[in-house]
Amino acid sequence: MLKFLVIGVALFLVYKLFMGDKKKKEMQSEKVIKDKVASGEMVKDPVCGTYVEKDSSIRVREGDKVHMFCSYECRDKYLKQIQATTIEKDDE
């Protein structure tokens, strides 16, 4: 009986060790993202709000402004929004 109790406690400690390590890694990655956003290395996708690195993003130039997207789906949604507002302005 004591043997099972010791094994159970050991398994619990190993579980807590791994879960604590996972949580620590998540917190570190969140800090890295916040630092990159603060330094201007990452920008917010205007459609879904995901942060995207400037170097590896999908871009659309609208006049003087460059918009960056996390995926082609977000880019396409944005282009459709631009078309819709352009058509509405032309109708007025």
N, C-alpha and C. Protein backbone atom coordinates (compact mmCIF):
# COMPACT_ATOMS: atom_id res chain seq x y z
N MET A 1 0.82 -1.19 0.00
CA MET A 1 0.00 0.00 0.00
C MET A 1 0.87 1.25 0.00
N LEU A 2 1.89 1.23 0.83
CA LEU A 2 2.80 2.37 0.91
C LEU A 2 3.53 2.57 -0.43
N LYS A 3 3.82 1.46 -1.08
CA LYS A 3 4.49 1.50 -2.38
C LYS A 3 3.65 2.28 -3.40
N PHE A 4 2.35 2.03 -3.46
CA PHE A 4 1.46 2.73 -4.38
C PHE A 4 1.34 4.21 -4.06
N LEU A 5 1.35 4.51 -2.78
CA LEU A 5 1.28 5.90 -2.34
C LEU A 5 2.53 6.67 -2.78
N VAL A 6 3.70 6.07 -2.61
CA VAL A 6 4.96 6.70 -3.01
C VAL A 6 4.99 6.88 -4.52
N ILE A 7 4.57 5.87 -5.27
CA ILE A 7 4.54 5.97 -6.74
C ILE A 7 3.56 7.06 -7.18
N GLY A 8 2.42 7.11 -6.52
CA GLY A 8 1.42 8.14 -6.84
C GLY A 8 1.95 9.54 -6.59
N VAL A 9 2.60 9.74 -5.47
CA VAL A 9 3.18 11.05 -5.15
C VAL A 9 4.28 11.41 -6.16
N ALA A 10 5.10 10.43 -6.52
CA ALA A 10 6.18 10.68 -7.50
C ALA A 10 5.59 11.05 -8.86
N LEU A 11 4.56 10.35 -9.29
CA LEU A 11 3.91 10.67 -10.57
C LEU A 11 3.28 12.07 -10.53
N PHE A 12 2.68 12.40 -9.39
CA PHE A 12 2.09 13.73 -9.25
C PHE A 12 3.15 14.81 -9.34
N LEU A 13 4.29 14.61 -8.69
CA LEU A 13 5.38 15.58 -8.74
C LEU A 13 5.94 15.73 -10.15
N VAL A 14 6.08 14.63 -10.86
CA VAL A 14 6.56 14.70 -12.25
C VAL A 14 5.54 15.46 -13.11
N TYR A 15 4.27 15.18 -12.92
CA TYR A 15 3.22 15.88 -13.66
C TYR A 15 3.28 17.39 -13.40
N LYS A 16 3.38 17.78 -12.14
CA LYS A 16 3.45 19.21 -11.79
C LYS A 16 4.71 19.85 -12.37
N LEU A 17 5.80 19.13 -12.40
CA LEU A 17 7.04 19.64 -12.96
C LEU A 17 6.86 19.97 -14.43
N PHE A 18 6.29 19.05 -15.20
CA PHE A 18 6.09 19.28 -16.63
C PHE A 18 5.06 20.37 -16.90
N MET A 19 3.99 20.39 -16.12
CA MET A 19 2.96 21.40 -16.34
C MET A 19 3.48 22.79 -15.98
N GLY A 20 4.29 22.88 -14.93
CA GLY A 20 4.88 24.16 -14.57
C GLY A 20 5.83 24.65 -15.63
N ASP A 21 6.58 23.74 -16.24
CA ASP A 21 7.52 24.09 -17.31
C ASP A 21 6.76 24.57 -18.54
N LYS A 22 5.65 23.93 -18.86
CA LYS A 22 4.83 24.33 -20.00
C LYS A 22 4.27 25.73 -19.79
N LYS A 23 3.78 26.01 -18.60
CA LYS A 23 3.24 27.33 -18.29
C LYS A 23 4.32 28.40 -18.37
N LYS A 24 5.51 28.07 -17.89
CA LYS A 24 6.62 29.02 -17.94
C LYS A 24 7.00 29.34 -19.39
N LYS A 25 7.02 28.33 -20.26
CA LYS A 25 7.33 28.55 -21.68
C LYS A 25 6.27 29.43 -22.34
N GLU A 26 5.00 29.21 -22.01
CA GLU A 26 3.93 30.03 -22.57
C GLU A 26 4.08 31.49 -22.15
N MET A 27 4.42 31.70 -20.89
CA MET A 27 4.59 33.07 -20.39
C MET A 27 5.79 33.74 -21.07
N GLN A 28 6.86 32.98 -21.30
CA GLN A 28 8.03 33.54 -21.97
C GLN A 28 7.71 33.89 -23.41
N SER A 29 6.94 33.05 -24.11
CA SER A 29 6.60 33.35 -25.50
C SER A 29 5.69 34.57 -25.57
N GLU A 30 4.77 34.73 -24.62
CA GLU A 30 3.93 35.93 -24.58
C GLU A 30 4.77 37.18 -24.37
N LYS A 31 5.79 37.08 -23.52
CA LYS A 31 6.67 38.22 -23.27
C LYS A 31 7.46 38.58 -24.53
N VAL A 32 7.92 37.56 -25.26
CA VAL A 32 8.67 37.82 -26.50
C VAL A 32 7.78 38.55 -27.50
N ILE A 33 6.53 38.12 -27.62
CA ILE A 33 5.60 38.77 -28.55
C ILE A 33 5.35 40.21 -28.12
N LYS A 34 5.14 40.43 -26.84
CA LYS A 34 4.92 41.80 -26.36
C LYS A 34 6.13 42.68 -26.63
N ASP A 35 7.32 42.14 -26.44
CA ASP A 35 8.54 42.91 -26.72
C ASP A 35 8.66 43.25 -28.21
N LYS A 36 8.32 42.29 -29.07
CA LYS A 36 8.40 42.53 -30.51
C LYS A 36 7.36 43.56 -30.95
N VAL A 37 6.18 43.51 -30.35
CA VAL A 37 5.14 44.50 -30.67
C VAL A 37 5.61 45.89 -30.24
N ALA A 38 6.18 45.97 -29.05
CA ALA A 38 6.65 47.26 -28.53
C ALA A 38 7.78 47.83 -29.37
N SER A 39 8.63 46.95 -29.90
CA SER A 39 9.76 47.43 -30.69
C SER A 39 9.39 47.70 -32.15
N GLY A 40 8.19 47.30 -32.55
CA GLY A 40 7.75 47.54 -33.92
C GLY A 40 8.09 46.41 -34.88
N GLU A 41 8.60 45.28 -34.36
CA GLU A 41 8.91 44.14 -35.22
C GLU A 41 7.65 43.38 -35.63
N MET A 42 6.58 43.53 -34.85
CA MET A 42 5.32 42.86 -35.16
C MET A 42 4.22 43.90 -35.23
N VAL A 43 3.27 43.68 -36.15
CA VAL A 43 2.13 44.58 -36.31
C VAL A 43 0.85 43.78 -36.25
N LYS A 44 -0.25 44.47 -36.00
CA LYS A 44 -1.54 43.81 -35.84
C LYS A 44 -2.24 43.68 -37.19
N ASP A 45 -2.75 42.49 -37.46
CA ASP A 45 -3.55 42.22 -38.65
C ASP A 45 -4.84 43.01 -38.51
N PRO A 46 -5.20 43.86 -39.49
CA PRO A 46 -6.40 44.70 -39.36
C PRO A 46 -7.71 43.92 -39.41
N VAL A 47 -7.69 42.68 -39.86
CA VAL A 47 -8.93 41.90 -39.97
C VAL A 47 -9.18 41.08 -38.71
N CYS A 48 -8.23 40.24 -38.33
CA CYS A 48 -8.48 39.33 -37.22
C CYS A 48 -7.78 39.74 -35.92
N GLY A 49 -6.84 40.67 -35.98
CA GLY A 49 -6.18 41.15 -34.78
C GLY A 49 -4.97 40.35 -34.35
N THR A 50 -4.57 39.37 -35.13
CA THR A 50 -3.39 38.58 -34.82
C THR A 50 -2.14 39.42 -35.07
N TYR A 51 -1.12 39.22 -34.24
CA TYR A 51 0.13 39.94 -34.46
C TYR A 51 0.99 39.17 -35.45
N VAL A 52 1.54 39.90 -36.42
CA VAL A 52 2.30 39.31 -37.51
C VAL A 52 3.67 39.98 -37.57
N GLU A 53 4.71 39.17 -37.82
CA GLU A 53 6.04 39.74 -37.99
C GLU A 53 6.10 40.50 -39.30
N LYS A 54 6.76 41.64 -39.29
CA LYS A 54 6.84 42.48 -40.49
C LYS A 54 7.55 41.77 -41.64
N ASP A 55 8.55 40.99 -41.35
CA ASP A 55 9.35 40.35 -42.40
C ASP A 55 8.61 39.25 -43.14
N SER A 56 7.75 38.52 -42.45
CA SER A 56 7.13 37.35 -43.08
C SER A 56 5.62 37.51 -43.26
N SER A 57 5.19 38.71 -43.55
CA SER A 57 3.75 38.93 -43.64
C SER A 57 3.29 39.09 -45.09
N ILE A 58 2.01 38.94 -45.26
CA ILE A 58 1.37 39.16 -46.55
C ILE A 58 0.96 40.62 -46.56
N ARG A 59 1.33 41.35 -47.61
CA ARG A 59 1.16 42.80 -47.62
C ARG A 59 0.19 43.26 -48.70
N VAL A 60 -0.47 44.37 -48.40
CA VAL A 60 -1.31 45.08 -49.36
C VAL A 60 -1.02 46.56 -49.19
N ARG A 61 -0.69 47.21 -50.28
CA ARG A 61 -0.43 48.64 -50.24
C ARG A 61 -1.71 49.37 -50.62
N GLU A 62 -2.09 50.30 -49.75
CA GLU A 62 -3.28 51.12 -49.99
C GLU A 62 -2.84 52.57 -49.87
N GLY A 63 -2.57 53.18 -51.02
CA GLY A 63 -2.04 54.54 -51.01
C GLY A 63 -0.64 54.54 -50.44
N ASP A 64 -0.43 55.35 -49.41
CA ASP A 64 0.89 55.40 -48.77
C ASP A 64 1.03 54.37 -47.65
N LYS A 65 -0.06 53.74 -47.26
CA LYS A 65 -0.05 52.83 -46.12
C LYS A 65 0.08 51.38 -46.59
N VAL A 66 0.87 50.59 -45.86
CA VAL A 66 1.03 49.17 -46.14
C VAL A 66 0.38 48.39 -45.01
N HIS A 67 -0.57 47.53 -45.35
CA HIS A 67 -1.25 46.68 -44.37
C HIS A 67 -0.65 45.28 -44.45
N MET A 68 -0.46 44.64 -43.29
CA MET A 68 0.13 43.31 -43.23
C MET A 68 -0.87 42.33 -42.61
N PHE A 69 -0.90 41.12 -43.16
CA PHE A 69 -1.91 40.14 -42.79
C PHE A 69 -1.28 38.82 -42.38
N CYS A 70 -2.01 38.06 -41.56
CA CYS A 70 -1.51 36.76 -41.10
C CYS A 70 -1.76 35.66 -42.13
N SER A 71 -2.77 35.84 -43.00
CA SER A 71 -3.11 34.80 -43.97
C SER A 71 -3.72 35.42 -45.21
N TYR A 72 -3.80 34.61 -46.25
CA TYR A 72 -4.41 35.08 -47.48
C TYR A 72 -5.92 35.29 -47.29
N GLU A 73 -6.52 34.52 -46.38
CA GLU A 73 -7.95 34.68 -46.12
C GLU A 73 -8.22 36.07 -45.54
N CYS A 74 -7.40 36.50 -44.59
CA CYS A 74 -7.58 37.84 -44.00
C CYS A 74 -7.33 38.92 -45.05
N ARG A 75 -6.32 38.71 -45.88
CA ARG A 75 -6.04 39.68 -46.95
C ARG A 75 -7.23 39.80 -47.89
N ASP A 76 -7.80 38.66 -48.29
CA ASP A 76 -8.94 38.68 -49.20
C ASP A 76 -10.16 39.36 -48.58
N LYS A 77 -10.40 39.11 -47.29
CA LYS A 77 -11.51 39.79 -46.60
C LYS A 77 -11.30 41.30 -46.61
N TYR A 78 -10.07 41.72 -46.37
CA TYR A 78 -9.77 43.15 -46.35
C TYR A 78 -9.96 43.77 -47.74
N LEU A 79 -9.51 43.07 -48.77
CA LEU A 79 -9.68 43.59 -50.13
C LEU A 79 -11.17 43.70 -50.49
N LYS A 80 -11.97 42.74 -50.05
CA LYS A 80 -13.42 42.81 -50.29
C LYS A 80 -14.03 44.01 -49.57
N GLN A 81 -13.56 44.29 -48.34
CA GLN A 81 -14.06 45.45 -47.60
C GLN A 81 -13.70 46.74 -48.33
N ILE A 82 -12.49 46.81 -48.84
CA ILE A 82 -12.06 48.00 -49.58
C ILE A 82 -12.92 48.18 -50.83
N GLN A 83 -13.17 47.09 -51.55
CA GLN A 83 -14.01 47.17 -52.74
C GLN A 83 -15.41 47.64 -52.39
N ALA A 84 -15.97 47.11 -51.32
CA ALA A 84 -17.33 47.48 -50.92
C ALA A 84 -17.41 48.96 -50.57
N THR A 85 -16.43 49.49 -49.85
CA THR A 85 -16.47 50.92 -49.50
C THR A 85 -16.23 51.78 -50.72
N THR A 86 -15.41 51.33 -51.65
CA THR A 86 -15.17 52.08 -52.88
C THR A 86 -16.43 52.14 -53.72
N ILE A 87 -17.15 51.04 -53.80
CA ILE A 87 -18.39 51.00 -54.58
C ILE A 87 -19.44 51.89 -53.94
N GLU A 88 -19.52 51.89 -52.61
CA GLU A 88 -20.49 52.74 -51.91
C GLU A 88 -20.18 54.22 -52.14
N LYS A 89 -18.91 54.57 -52.15
CA LYS A 89 -18.53 55.97 -52.38
C LYS A 89 -18.84 56.39 -53.82
N ASP A 90 -18.67 55.47 -54.75
CA ASP A 90 -18.96 55.78 -56.15
C ASP A 90 -20.46 55.95 -56.39
N ASP A 91 -21.28 55.23 -55.61
CA ASP A 91 -22.73 55.31 -55.77
C ASP A 91 -23.29 56.64 -55.23
N GLU A 92 -22.57 57.27 -54.32
CA GLU A 92 -23.08 58.51 -53.72
C GLU A 92 -22.93 59.64 -54.62
